[in-house]
Amino acid sequence: MSLTVFNNTGEITEALESRYADDPHCIELLEFLNQHPRTRFSRLVLVHAINNGKVAIIDRALKRLVKDGLVILHSDKIIALYSIAGKYK
């Protein structure tokens, strides 16, 4: 199943807003990652950029977005990095 993540103005679509209405941190992460579409971020950077210290909340949101295919987990033996999966249509 493919979803349109962002509309033509770069804002998150209503479909995703309703899908993640129970978890605003998912929406914040998607918006942040969309502002930097070609950048990979560590979990620590995302924690500080989005929620300033609430690691468990960001971890839960990241796991959900990776599972849903909206965020890509780039992992090697040393560090895990996250980036937006792209603009789905």
PDB file of N, CA and C in Angstrom:
ATOM      1  N   MET A   1       0.843  -1.178   0.000  1.00  0.00           N
ATOM      2  CA  MET A   1       0.000   0.000   0.000  1.00  0.00           C
ATOM      3  C   MET A   1       0.888   1.242   0.000  1.00  0.00           C
ATOM      4  N   SER A   2       0.607   2.157  -0.883  1.00  0.00           N
ATOM      5  CA  SER A   2       1.397   3.378  -0.937  1.00  0.00           C
ATOM      6  C   SER A   2       0.558   4.555  -0.478  1.00  0.00           C
ATOM      7  N   LEU A   3       1.205   5.480   0.145  1.00  0.00           N
ATOM      8  CA  LEU A   3       0.547   6.667   0.676  1.00  0.00           C
ATOM      9  C   LEU A   3       1.204   7.906   0.116  1.00  0.00           C
ATOM     10  N   THR A   4       0.413   8.958  -0.049  1.00  0.00           N
ATOM     11  CA  THR A   4       0.999  10.253  -0.360  1.00  0.00           C
ATOM     12  C   THR A   4       1.370  10.882   0.965  1.00  0.00           C
ATOM     13  N   VAL A   5       2.666  11.107   1.167  1.00  0.00           N
ATOM     14  CA  VAL A   5       3.131  11.634   2.448  1.00  0.00           C
ATOM     15  C   VAL A   5       2.954  13.142   2.513  1.00  0.00           C
ATOM     16  N   PHE A   6       3.364  13.842   1.463  1.00  0.00           N
ATOM     17  CA  PHE A   6       3.310  15.292   1.477  1.00  0.00           C
ATOM     18  C   PHE A   6       2.562  15.784   0.253  1.00  0.00           C
ATOM     19  N   ASN A   7       1.793  16.851   0.429  1.00  0.00           N
ATOM     20  CA  ASN A   7       1.071  17.428  -0.704  1.00  0.00           C
ATOM     21  C   ASN A   7       1.999  18.352  -1.487  1.00  0.00           C
ATOM     22  N   ASN A   8       1.481  19.027  -2.486  1.00  0.00           N
ATOM     23  CA  ASN A   8       2.316  19.859  -3.369  1.00  0.00           C
ATOM     24  C   ASN A   8       2.999  21.016  -2.657  1.00  0.00           C
ATOM     25  N   THR A   9       2.481  21.444  -1.523  1.00  0.00           N
ATOM     26  CA  THR A   9       3.098  22.550  -0.785  1.00  0.00           C
ATOM     27  C   THR A   9       4.111  22.059   0.243  1.00  0.00           C
ATOM     28  N   GLY A  10       4.334  20.745   0.313  1.00  0.00           N
ATOM     29  CA  GLY A  10       5.314  20.211   1.245  1.00  0.00           C
ATOM     30  C   GLY A  10       4.764  19.946   2.628  1.00  0.00           C
ATOM     31  N   GLU A  11       3.452  20.086   2.800  1.00  0.00           N
ATOM     32  CA  GLU A  11       2.843  19.809   4.098  1.00  0.00           C
ATOM     33  C   GLU A  11       2.361  18.365   4.135  1.00  0.00           C
ATOM     34  N   ILE A  12       2.309  17.812   5.319  1.00  0.00           N
ATOM     35  CA  ILE A  12       1.855  16.431   5.488  1.00  0.00           C
ATOM     36  C   ILE A  12       0.385  16.324   5.078  1.00  0.00           C
ATOM     37  N   THR A  13       0.023  15.227   4.451  1.00  0.00           N
ATOM     38  CA  THR A  13      -1.342  15.074   3.942  1.00  0.00           C
ATOM     39  C   THR A  13      -2.330  14.774   5.066  1.00  0.00           C
ATOM     40  N   GLU A  14      -3.597  15.028   4.777  1.00  0.00           N
ATOM     41  CA  GLU A  14      -4.647  14.772   5.760  1.00  0.00           C
ATOM     42  C   GLU A  14      -4.756  13.293   6.089  1.00  0.00           C
ATOM     43  N   ALA A  15      -4.486  12.433   5.110  1.00  0.00           N
ATOM     44  CA  ALA A  15      -4.558  10.989   5.352  1.00  0.00           C
ATOM     45  C   ALA A  15      -3.562  10.564   6.420  1.00  0.00           C
ATOM     46  N   LEU A  16      -2.348  11.098   6.348  1.00  0.00           N
ATOM     47  CA  LEU A  16      -1.355  10.748   7.366  1.00  0.00           C
ATOM     48  C   LEU A  16      -1.641  11.437   8.685  1.00  0.00           C
ATOM     49  N   GLU A  17      -2.161  12.645   8.637  1.00  0.00           N
ATOM     50  CA  GLU A  17      -2.524  13.315   9.885  1.00  0.00           C
ATOM     51  C   GLU A  17      -3.556  12.502  10.645  1.00  0.00           C
ATOM     52  N   SER A  18      -4.530  11.954   9.941  1.00  0.00           N
ATOM     53  CA  SER A  18      -5.538  11.150  10.620  1.00  0.00           C
ATOM     54  C   SER A  18      -4.973   9.795  11.047  1.00  0.00           C
ATOM     55  N   ARG A  19      -4.072   9.232  10.235  1.00  0.00           N
ATOM     56  CA  ARG A  19      -3.469   7.939  10.576  1.00  0.00           C
ATOM     57  C   ARG A  19      -2.619   8.032  11.845  1.00  0.00           C
ATOM     58  N   TYR A  20      -1.926   9.140  12.009  1.00  0.00           N
ATOM     59  CA  TYR A  20      -1.051   9.307  13.172  1.00  0.00           C
ATOM     60  C   TYR A  20      -1.612  10.316  14.175  1.00  0.00           C
ATOM     61  N   ALA A  21      -2.910  10.490  14.188  1.00  0.00           N
ATOM     62  CA  ALA A  21      -3.543  11.430  15.116  1.00  0.00           C
ATOM     63  C   ALA A  21      -3.278  11.064  16.570  1.00  0.00           C
ATOM     64  N   ASP A  22      -3.105   9.778  16.841  1.00  0.00           N
ATOM     65  CA  ASP A  22      -2.839   9.325  18.199  1.00  0.00           C
ATOM     66  C   ASP A  22      -1.383   9.509  18.617  1.00  0.00           C
ATOM     67  N   ASP A  23      -0.509   9.847  17.674  1.00  0.00           N
ATOM     68  CA  ASP A  23       0.916  10.006  17.977  1.00  0.00           C
ATOM     69  C   ASP A  23       1.492  11.215  17.244  1.00  0.00           C
ATOM     70  N   PRO A  24       1.382  12.400  17.828  1.00  0.00           N
ATOM     71  CA  PRO A  24       1.883  13.606  17.166  1.00  0.00           C
ATOM     72  C   PRO A  24       3.391  13.596  16.944  1.00  0.00           C
ATOM     73  N   HIS A  25       4.124  12.760  17.667  1.00  0.00           N
ATOM     74  CA  HIS A  25       5.572  12.699  17.471  1.00  0.00           C
ATOM     75  C   HIS A  25       5.915  12.094  16.112  1.00  0.00           C
ATOM     76  N   CYS A  26       5.080  11.188  15.616  1.00  0.00           N
ATOM     77  CA  CYS A  26       5.289  10.649  14.257  1.00  0.00           C
ATOM     78  C   CYS A  26       5.176  11.768  13.227  1.00  0.00           C
ATOM     79  N   ILE A  27       4.185  12.608  13.394  1.00  0.00           N
ATOM     80  CA  ILE A  27       3.996  13.727  12.467  1.00  0.00           C
ATOM     81  C   ILE A  27       5.166  14.698  12.562  1.00  0.00           C
ATOM     82  N   GLU A  28       5.608  14.988  13.768  1.00  0.00           N
ATOM     83  CA  GLU A  28       6.763  15.886  13.942  1.00  0.00           C
ATOM     84  C   GLU A  28       8.003  15.319  13.265  1.00  0.00           C
ATOM     85  N   LEU A  29       8.228  14.009  13.438  1.00  0.00           N
ATOM     86  CA  LEU A  29       9.387  13.385  12.801  1.00  0.00           C
ATOM     87  C   LEU A  29       9.294  13.446  11.284  1.00  0.00           C
ATOM     88  N   LEU A  30       8.124  13.156  10.742  1.00  0.00           N
ATOM     89  CA  LEU A  30       7.958  13.221   9.288  1.00  0.00           C
ATOM     90  C   LEU A  30       8.191  14.631   8.763  1.00  0.00           C
ATOM     91  N   GLU A  31       7.661  15.622   9.459  1.00  0.00           N
ATOM     92  CA  GLU A  31       7.855  17.013   9.037  1.00  0.00           C
ATOM     93  C   GLU A  31       9.326  17.406   9.107  1.00  0.00           C
ATOM     94  N   PHE A  32      10.010  17.023  10.185  1.00  0.00           N
ATOM     95  CA  PHE A  32      11.422  17.347  10.335  1.00  0.00           C
ATOM     96  C   PHE A  32      12.249  16.670   9.237  1.00  0.00           C
ATOM     97  N   LEU A  33      12.023  15.373   9.026  1.00  0.00           N
ATOM     98  CA  LEU A  33      12.786  14.644   8.019  1.00  0.00           C
ATOM     99  C   LEU A  33      12.503  15.157   6.616  1.00  0.00           C
ATOM    100  N   ASN A  34      11.278  15.619   6.360  1.00  0.00           N
ATOM    101  CA  ASN A  34      10.944  16.169   5.047  1.00  0.00           C
ATOM    102  C   ASN A  34      11.697  17.470   4.775  1.00  0.00           C
ATOM    103  N   GLN A  35      12.024  18.211   5.817  1.00  0.00           N
ATOM    104  CA  GLN A  35      12.795  19.446   5.641  1.00  0.00           C
ATOM    105  C   GLN A  35      14.231  19.148   5.232  1.00  0.00           C
ATOM    106  N   HIS A  36      14.677  17.921   5.471  1.00  0.00           N
ATOM    107  CA  HIS A  36      16.049  17.501   5.164  1.00  0.00           C
ATOM    108  C   HIS A  36      15.988  16.158   4.430  1.00  0.00           C
ATOM    109  N   PRO A  37      15.453  16.130   3.215  1.00  0.00           N
ATOM    110  CA  PRO A  37      15.161  14.852   2.555  1.00  0.00           C
ATOM    111  C   PRO A  37      16.374  14.006   2.184  1.00  0.00           C
ATOM    112  N   ARG A  38      17.533  14.591   2.078  1.00  0.00           N
ATOM    113  CA  ARG A  38      18.722  13.834   1.676  1.00  0.00           C
ATOM    114  C   ARG A  38      19.703  13.630   2.823  1.00  0.00           C
ATOM    115  N   THR A  39      19.231  13.821   4.045  1.00  0.00           N
ATOM    116  CA  THR A  39      20.103  13.732   5.210  1.00  0.00           C
ATOM    117  C   THR A  39      19.715  12.540   6.067  1.00  0.00           C
ATOM    118  N   ARG A  40      20.714  11.880   6.610  1.00  0.00           N
ATOM    119  CA  ARG A  40      20.493  10.779   7.545  1.00  0.00           C
ATOM    120  C   ARG A  40      20.835  11.281   8.945  1.00  0.00           C
ATOM    121  N   PHE A  41      19.951  10.984   9.893  1.00  0.00           N
ATOM    122  CA  PHE A  41      20.125  11.468  11.263  1.00  0.00           C
ATOM    123  C   PHE A  41      20.238  10.307  12.238  1.00  0.00           C
ATOM    124  N   SER A  42      21.068  10.488  13.252  1.00  0.00           N
ATOM    125  CA  SER A  42      21.119   9.498  14.328  1.00  0.00           C
ATOM    126  C   SER A  42      19.909   9.696  15.235  1.00  0.00           C
ATOM    127  N   ARG A  43      19.621   8.690  16.009  1.00  0.00           N
ATOM    128  CA  ARG A  43      18.503   8.747  16.947  1.00  0.00           C
ATOM    129  C   ARG A  43      18.693   9.897  17.930  1.00  0.00           C
ATOM    130  N   LEU A  44      19.899  10.084  18.417  1.00  0.00           N
ATOM    131  CA  LEU A  44      20.175  11.148  19.382  1.00  0.00           C
ATOM    132  C   LEU A  44      19.888  12.531  18.799  1.00  0.00           C
ATOM    133  N   VAL A  45      20.266  12.751  17.558  1.00  0.00           N
ATOM    134  CA  VAL A  45      19.984  14.031  16.900  1.00  0.00           C
ATOM    135  C   VAL A  45      18.478  14.250  16.808  1.00  0.00           C
ATOM    136  N   LEU A  46      17.745  13.211  16.421  1.00  0.00           N
ATOM    137  CA  LEU A  46      16.291  13.333  16.311  1.00  0.00           C
ATOM    138  C   LEU A  46      15.639  13.592  17.659  1.00  0.00           C
ATOM    139  N   VAL A  47      16.138  12.953  18.704  1.00  0.00           N
ATOM    140  CA  VAL A  47      15.608  13.186  20.057  1.00  0.00           C
ATOM    141  C   VAL A  47      15.768  14.645  20.436  1.00  0.00           C
ATOM    142  N   HIS A  48      16.921  15.205  20.189  1.00  0.00           N
ATOM    143  CA  HIS A  48      17.159  16.603  20.544  1.00  0.00           C
ATOM    144  C   HIS A  48      16.429  17.572  19.628  1.00  0.00           C
ATOM    145  N   ALA A  49      16.303  17.225  18.357  1.00  0.00           N
ATOM    146  CA  ALA A  49      15.626  18.115  17.409  1.00  0.00           C
ATOM    147  C   ALA A  49      14.117  18.137  17.617  1.00  0.00           C
ATOM    148  N   ILE A  50      13.543  17.011  17.979  1.00  0.00           N
ATOM    149  CA  ILE A  50      12.089  16.903  18.071  1.00  0.00           C
ATOM    150  C   ILE A  50      11.575  17.102  19.482  1.00  0.00           C
ATOM    151  N   ASN A  51      12.179  16.420  20.438  1.00  0.00           N
ATOM    152  CA  ASN A  51      11.548  16.366  21.749  1.00  0.00           C
ATOM    153  C   ASN A  51      12.491  16.704  22.900  1.00  0.00           C
ATOM    154  N   ASN A  52      13.719  17.026  22.603  1.00  0.00           N
ATOM    155  CA  ASN A  52      14.692  17.450  23.592  1.00  0.00           C
ATOM    156  C   ASN A  52      14.731  16.568  24.833  1.00  0.00           C
ATOM    157  N   GLY A  53      15.053  15.298  24.635  1.00  0.00           N
ATOM    158  CA  GLY A  53      15.331  14.445  25.777  1.00  0.00           C
ATOM    159  C   GLY A  53      14.355  13.328  26.050  1.00  0.00           C
ATOM    160  N   LYS A  54      13.262  13.233  25.343  1.00  0.00           N
ATOM    161  CA  LYS A  54      12.285  12.166  25.570  1.00  0.00           C
ATOM    162  C   LYS A  54      12.606  10.987  24.653  1.00  0.00           C
ATOM    163  N   VAL A  55      13.620  10.225  25.006  1.00  0.00           N
ATOM    164  CA  VAL A  55      14.133   9.158  24.150  1.00  0.00           C
ATOM    165  C   VAL A  55      13.077   8.089  23.874  1.00  0.00           C
ATOM    166  N   ALA A  56      12.371   7.645  24.893  1.00  0.00           N
ATOM    167  CA  ALA A  56      11.396   6.556  24.717  1.00  0.00           C
ATOM    168  C   ALA A  56      10.284   6.943  23.746  1.00  0.00           C
ATOM    169  N   ILE A  57       9.862   8.188  23.794  1.00  0.00           N
ATOM    170  CA  ILE A  57       8.787   8.651  22.913  1.00  0.00           C
ATOM    171  C   ILE A  57       9.258   8.662  21.459  1.00  0.00           C
ATOM    172  N   ILE A  58      10.440   9.176  21.218  1.00  0.00           N
ATOM    173  CA  ILE A  58      10.976   9.232  19.857  1.00  0.00           C
ATOM    174  C   ILE A  58      11.293   7.831  19.349  1.00  0.00           C
ATOM    175  N   ASP A  59      11.822   6.965  20.209  1.00  0.00           N
ATOM    176  CA  ASP A  59      12.081   5.583  19.808  1.00  0.00           C
ATOM    177  C   ASP A  59      10.804   4.894  19.334  1.00  0.00           C
ATOM    178  N   ARG A  60       9.733   5.080  20.076  1.00  0.00           N
ATOM    179  CA  ARG A  60       8.456   4.461  19.717  1.00  0.00           C
ATOM    180  C   ARG A  60       7.957   4.990  18.364  1.00  0.00           C
ATOM    181  N   ALA A  61       8.058   6.298  18.163  1.00  0.00           N
ATOM    182  CA  ALA A  61       7.616   6.902  16.903  1.00  0.00           C
ATOM    183  C   ALA A  61       8.489   6.431  15.738  1.00  0.00           C
ATOM    184  N   LEU A  62       9.799   6.367  15.946  1.00  0.00           N
ATOM    185  CA  LEU A  62      10.699   5.898  14.885  1.00  0.00           C
ATOM    186  C   LEU A  62      10.395   4.458  14.499  1.00  0.00           C
ATOM    187  N   LYS A  63      10.199   3.604  15.482  1.00  0.00           N
ATOM    188  CA  LYS A  63       9.887   2.199  15.197  1.00  0.00           C
ATOM    189  C   LYS A  63       8.601   2.085  14.386  1.00  0.00           C
ATOM    190  N   ARG A  64       7.608   2.860  14.741  1.00  0.00           N
ATOM    191  CA  ARG A  64       6.333   2.820  14.024  1.00  0.00           C
ATOM    192  C   ARG A  64       6.497   3.296  12.575  1.00  0.00           C
ATOM    193  N   LEU A  65       7.237   4.381  12.376  1.00  0.00           N
ATOM    194  CA  LEU A  65       7.426   4.923  11.030  1.00  0.00           C
ATOM    195  C   LEU A  65       8.283   4.009  10.159  1.00  0.00           C
ATOM    196  N   VAL A  66       9.275   3.358  10.756  1.00  0.00           N
ATOM    197  CA  VAL A  66      10.101   2.399  10.011  1.00  0.00           C
ATOM    198  C   VAL A  66       9.240   1.197   9.625  1.00  0.00           C
ATOM    199  N   LYS A  67       8.449   0.713  10.564  1.00  0.00           N
ATOM    200  CA  LYS A  67       7.556  -0.429  10.294  1.00  0.00           C
ATOM    201  C   LYS A  67       6.556  -0.098   9.183  1.00  0.00           C
ATOM    202  N   ASP A  68       6.049   1.136   9.177  1.00  0.00           N
ATOM    203  CA  ASP A  68       5.081   1.563   8.164  1.00  0.00           C
ATOM    204  C   ASP A  68       5.730   1.918   6.834  1.00  0.00           C
ATOM    205  N   GLY A  69       7.071   1.948   6.781  1.00  0.00           N
ATOM    206  CA  GLY A  69       7.779   2.209   5.538  1.00  0.00           C
ATOM    207  C   GLY A  69       7.938   3.669   5.171  1.00  0.00           C
ATOM    208  N   LEU A  70       7.676   4.568   6.108  1.00  0.00           N
ATOM    209  CA  LEU A  70       7.800   6.001   5.816  1.00  0.00           C
ATOM    210  C   LEU A  70       9.184   6.548   6.147  1.00  0.00           C
ATOM    211  N   VAL A  71       9.901   5.845   7.007  1.00  0.00           N
ATOM    212  CA  VAL A  71      11.258   6.223   7.380  1.00  0.00           C
ATOM    213  C   VAL A  71      12.147   5.015   7.129  1.00  0.00           C
ATOM    214  N   ILE A  72      13.345   5.277   6.601  1.00  0.00           N
ATOM    215  CA  ILE A  72      14.309   4.209   6.326  1.00  0.00           C
ATOM    216  C   ILE A  72      15.339   4.168   7.448  1.00  0.00           C
ATOM    217  N   LEU A  73      15.625   2.969   7.918  1.00  0.00           N
ATOM    218  CA  LEU A  73      16.678   2.751   8.897  1.00  0.00           C
ATOM    219  C   LEU A  73      17.917   2.293   8.146  1.00  0.00           C
ATOM    220  N   HIS A  74      18.968   3.098   8.199  1.00  0.00           N
ATOM    221  CA  HIS A  74      20.255   2.767   7.599  1.00  0.00           C
ATOM    222  C   HIS A  74      21.141   2.317   8.749  1.00  0.00           C
ATOM    223  N   SER A  75      21.514   1.056   8.761  1.00  0.00           N
ATOM    224  CA  SER A  75      22.240   0.546   9.913  1.00  0.00           C
ATOM    225  C   SER A  75      23.511  -0.169   9.475  1.00  0.00           C
ATOM    226  N   ASP A  76      24.572   0.117  10.185  1.00  0.00           N
ATOM    227  CA  ASP A  76      25.783  -0.671  10.035  1.00  0.00           C
ATOM    228  C   ASP A  76      26.139  -1.189  11.433  1.00  0.00           C
ATOM    229  N   LYS A  77      27.322  -1.682  11.610  1.00  0.00           N
ATOM    230  CA  LYS A  77      27.681  -2.276  12.894  1.00  0.00           C
ATOM    231  C   LYS A  77      27.921  -1.239  13.992  1.00  0.00           C
ATOM    232  N   ILE A  78      28.041   0.026  13.619  1.00  0.00           N
ATOM    233  CA  ILE A  78      28.398   1.048  14.594  1.00  0.00           C
ATOM    234  C   ILE A  78      27.206   1.911  14.991  1.00  0.00           C
ATOM    235  N   ILE A  79      26.462   2.413  14.023  1.00  0.00           N
ATOM    236  CA  ILE A  79      25.406   3.376  14.330  1.00  0.00           C
ATOM    237  C   ILE A  79      24.209   3.189  13.396  1.00  0.00           C
ATOM    238  N   ALA A  80      23.041   3.517  13.908  1.00  0.00           N
ATOM    239  CA  ALA A  80      21.821   3.494  13.104  1.00  0.00           C
ATOM    240  C   ALA A  80      21.481   4.929  12.717  1.00  0.00           C
ATOM    241  N   LEU A  81      21.146   5.113  11.444  1.00  0.00           N
ATOM    242  CA  LEU A  81      20.761   6.427  10.944  1.00  0.00           C
ATOM    243  C   LEU A  81      19.385   6.325  10.303  1.00  0.00           C
ATOM    244  N   TYR A  82      18.626   7.405  10.366  1.00  0.00           N
ATOM    245  CA  TYR A  82      17.251   7.434   9.854  1.00  0.00           C
ATOM    246  C   TYR A  82      17.111   8.533   8.816  1.00  0.00           C
ATOM    247  N   SER A  83      16.311   8.246   7.782  1.00  0.00           N
ATOM    248  CA  SER A  83      15.993   9.264   6.774  1.00  0.00           C
ATOM    249  C   SER A  83      14.575   9.028   6.277  1.00  0.00           C
ATOM    250  N   ILE A  84      14.019  10.039   5.652  1.00  0.00           N
ATOM    251  CA  ILE A  84      12.674   9.896   5.103  1.00  0.00           C
ATOM    252  C   ILE A  84      12.740   8.960   3.907  1.00  0.00           C
ATOM    253  N   ALA A  85      11.717   8.143   3.752  1.00  0.00           N
ATOM    254  CA  ALA A  85      11.725   7.119   2.694  1.00  0.00           C
ATOM    255  C   ALA A  85      11.505   7.733   1.322  1.00  0.00           C
ATOM    256  N   GLY A  86      10.913   8.888   1.249  1.00  0.00           N
ATOM    257  CA  GLY A  86      10.671   9.526  -0.035  1.00  0.00           C
ATOM    258  C   GLY A  86       9.244  10.004  -0.113  1.00  0.00           C
ATOM    259  N   LYS A  87       8.943  10.569  -1.212  1.00  0.00           N
ATOM    260  CA  LYS A  87       7.582  11.064  -1.413  1.00  0.00           C
ATOM    261  C   LYS A  87       6.810   9.996  -2.165  1.00  0.00           C
ATOM    262  N   TYR A  88       5.899   9.377  -1.473  1.00  0.00           N
ATOM    263  CA  TYR A  88       5.108   8.280  -2.044  1.00  0.00           C
ATOM    264  C   TYR A  88       3.940   8.816  -2.825  1.00  0.00           C
ATOM    265  N   LYS A  89       3.601   8.124  -3.888  1.00  0.00           N
ATOM    266  CA  LYS A  89       2.421   8.474  -4.673  1.00  0.00           C
ATOM    267  C   LYS A  89       1.669   7.222  -4.990  1.00  0.00           C
TER     268      LYS A  89
END
